[in-house]
């Protein structure tokens, strides 16, 4: 799921919210939020502003 989320973030080309990625992937936003938290801890994504994320 992490690879799918990162790929969708790169395709978006701008900072996105978990709900945006969930819609793109047809997934649950809570599941995407959990993946965002994991990716943030690993340093693979960053948050340029509150609730928005982009690849690091």
N, C-alpha and C. Protein backbone atom coordinates (compact mmCIF):
# COMPACT_ATOMS: atom_id res chain seq x y z
N UNK A 1 0.82 -1.20 0.00
CA UNK A 1 0.00 0.00 0.00
C UNK A 1 0.87 1.26 0.00
N UNK A 2 2.03 1.20 0.66
CA UNK A 2 2.90 2.37 0.70
C UNK A 2 3.32 2.80 -0.70
N UNK A 3 3.67 1.83 -1.54
CA UNK A 3 4.10 2.16 -2.90
C UNK A 3 2.97 2.80 -3.69
N UNK A 4 1.75 2.30 -3.52
CA UNK A 4 0.60 2.87 -4.22
C UNK A 4 0.35 4.30 -3.78
N UNK A 5 0.45 4.54 -2.48
CA UNK A 5 0.23 5.89 -1.94
C UNK A 5 1.31 6.84 -2.46
N UNK A 6 2.57 6.43 -2.40
CA UNK A 6 3.66 7.29 -2.89
C UNK A 6 3.50 7.58 -4.39
N UNK A 7 3.13 6.57 -5.14
CA UNK A 7 2.93 6.75 -6.58
C UNK A 7 1.81 7.74 -6.85
N UNK A 8 0.71 7.62 -6.13
CA UNK A 8 -0.42 8.54 -6.31
C UNK A 8 -0.02 9.96 -5.91
N UNK A 9 0.80 10.09 -4.87
CA UNK A 9 1.26 11.42 -4.45
C UNK A 9 2.12 12.06 -5.53
N UNK A 10 2.98 11.26 -6.15
CA UNK A 10 3.84 11.79 -7.21
C UNK A 10 3.02 12.19 -8.42
N UNK A 11 1.99 11.41 -8.75
CA UNK A 11 1.13 11.73 -9.88
C UNK A 11 0.36 13.02 -9.64
N UNK A 12 -0.03 13.26 -8.38
CA UNK A 12 -0.78 14.47 -8.06
C UNK A 12 0.06 15.72 -8.33
N UNK A 13 1.35 15.64 -8.07
CA UNK A 13 2.25 16.75 -8.37
C UNK A 13 2.10 17.96 -7.47
N UNK A 14 1.38 17.81 -6.37
CA UNK A 14 1.20 18.90 -5.41
C UNK A 14 0.91 18.28 -4.05
N UNK A 15 1.03 19.04 -2.97
CA UNK A 15 0.70 18.50 -1.65
C UNK A 15 -0.77 18.03 -1.62
N UNK A 16 -0.99 16.87 -1.03
CA UNK A 16 -2.33 16.28 -1.00
C UNK A 16 -2.72 15.86 0.41
N UNK A 17 -4.01 15.66 0.60
CA UNK A 17 -4.54 15.16 1.87
C UNK A 17 -4.80 13.66 1.74
N UNK A 18 -4.93 13.00 2.86
CA UNK A 18 -5.21 11.56 2.86
C UNK A 18 -6.49 11.26 2.09
N UNK A 19 -7.51 12.09 2.25
CA UNK A 19 -8.77 11.89 1.55
C UNK A 19 -8.63 11.95 0.05
N UNK A 20 -7.74 12.83 -0.43
CA UNK A 20 -7.50 12.95 -1.88
C UNK A 20 -6.91 11.65 -2.42
N UNK A 21 -5.93 11.12 -1.72
CA UNK A 21 -5.28 9.88 -2.15
C UNK A 21 -6.25 8.71 -2.05
N UNK A 22 -7.06 8.70 -1.00
CA UNK A 22 -8.04 7.62 -0.83
C UNK A 22 -9.00 7.59 -2.02
N UNK A 23 -9.45 8.76 -2.47
CA UNK A 23 -10.34 8.82 -3.63
C UNK A 23 -9.64 8.33 -4.89
N UNK A 24 -8.38 8.72 -5.06
CA UNK A 24 -7.62 8.31 -6.24
C UNK A 24 -7.44 6.79 -6.28
N UNK A 25 -7.26 6.19 -5.11
CA UNK A 25 -6.97 4.75 -5.04
C UNK A 25 -8.21 3.91 -4.77
N UNK A 26 -9.33 4.56 -4.46
CA UNK A 26 -10.52 3.81 -4.10
C UNK A 26 -10.35 3.09 -2.77
N UNK A 27 -9.62 3.72 -1.85
CA UNK A 27 -9.33 3.13 -0.55
C UNK A 27 -10.00 3.94 0.56
N UNK A 28 -9.98 3.40 1.76
CA UNK A 28 -10.53 4.08 2.93
C UNK A 28 -9.55 5.17 3.39
N UNK A 29 -10.07 6.34 3.71
CA UNK A 29 -9.19 7.45 4.10
C UNK A 29 -8.46 7.16 5.42
N UNK A 30 -9.07 6.38 6.31
CA UNK A 30 -8.39 6.03 7.56
C UNK A 30 -7.17 5.15 7.28
N UNK A 31 -7.31 4.25 6.32
CA UNK A 31 -6.18 3.39 5.95
C UNK A 31 -5.05 4.23 5.35
N UNK A 32 -5.41 5.18 4.49
CA UNK A 32 -4.40 6.05 3.87
C UNK A 32 -3.74 6.92 4.94
N UNK A 33 -4.50 7.41 5.90
CA UNK A 33 -3.93 8.21 6.99
C UNK A 33 -2.89 7.41 7.76
N UNK A 34 -3.18 6.13 8.00
CA UNK A 34 -2.23 5.27 8.71
C UNK A 34 -0.95 5.11 7.88
N UNK A 35 -1.10 4.93 6.58
CA UNK A 35 0.07 4.81 5.70
C UNK A 35 0.86 6.13 5.72
N UNK A 36 0.15 7.27 5.69
CA UNK A 36 0.82 8.57 5.76
C UNK A 36 1.66 8.66 7.03
N UNK A 37 1.10 8.24 8.17
CA UNK A 37 1.85 8.29 9.43
C UNK A 37 3.10 7.42 9.37
N UNK A 38 2.96 6.22 8.81
CA UNK A 38 4.12 5.33 8.67
C UNK A 38 5.19 5.95 7.76
N UNK A 39 4.75 6.51 6.63
CA UNK A 39 5.70 7.12 5.69
C UNK A 39 6.38 8.34 6.30
N UNK A 40 5.63 9.10 7.09
CA UNK A 40 6.21 10.28 7.74
C UNK A 40 7.29 9.87 8.73
N UNK A 41 7.03 8.82 9.50
CA UNK A 41 8.02 8.32 10.47
C UNK A 41 9.28 7.83 9.77
N UNK A 42 9.12 7.27 8.58
CA UNK A 42 10.26 6.76 7.81
C UNK A 42 10.97 7.86 7.03
N UNK A 43 10.41 9.07 7.03
CA UNK A 43 11.03 10.19 6.33
C UNK A 43 10.80 10.19 4.83
N UNK A 44 9.81 9.43 4.37
CA UNK A 44 9.55 9.35 2.93
C UNK A 44 8.59 10.43 2.44
N UNK A 45 7.84 11.03 3.36
CA UNK A 45 6.97 12.15 2.98
C UNK A 45 7.16 13.27 4.00
N UNK A 46 6.75 14.46 3.60
CA UNK A 46 6.83 15.61 4.50
C UNK A 46 5.53 16.40 4.40
N UNK A 47 5.32 17.26 5.37
CA UNK A 47 4.11 18.05 5.42
C UNK A 47 4.46 19.53 5.30
N UNK A 48 4.25 20.12 4.09
CA UNK A 48 4.57 21.53 3.92
C UNK A 48 3.59 22.45 4.65
N UNK A 49 2.36 21.96 4.87
CA UNK A 49 1.38 22.69 5.67
C UNK A 49 0.44 21.69 6.31
N UNK A 50 -0.24 22.10 7.34
CA UNK A 50 -1.08 21.20 8.13
C UNK A 50 -2.04 20.38 7.26
N UNK A 51 -2.02 19.08 7.47
CA UNK A 51 -2.91 18.11 6.81
C UNK A 51 -2.59 17.86 5.34
N UNK A 52 -1.56 18.46 4.81
CA UNK A 52 -1.16 18.22 3.42
C UNK A 52 0.22 17.58 3.41
N UNK A 53 0.41 16.62 2.51
CA UNK A 53 1.68 15.88 2.45
C UNK A 53 2.18 15.78 1.03
N UNK A 54 3.51 15.62 0.91
CA UNK A 54 4.15 15.43 -0.38
C UNK A 54 5.37 14.54 -0.18
N UNK A 55 5.84 13.90 -1.25
CA UNK A 55 7.05 13.07 -1.11
C UNK A 55 8.23 13.89 -0.63
N UNK A 56 9.06 13.30 0.21
CA UNK A 56 10.23 14.01 0.76
C UNK A 56 11.34 14.10 -0.27
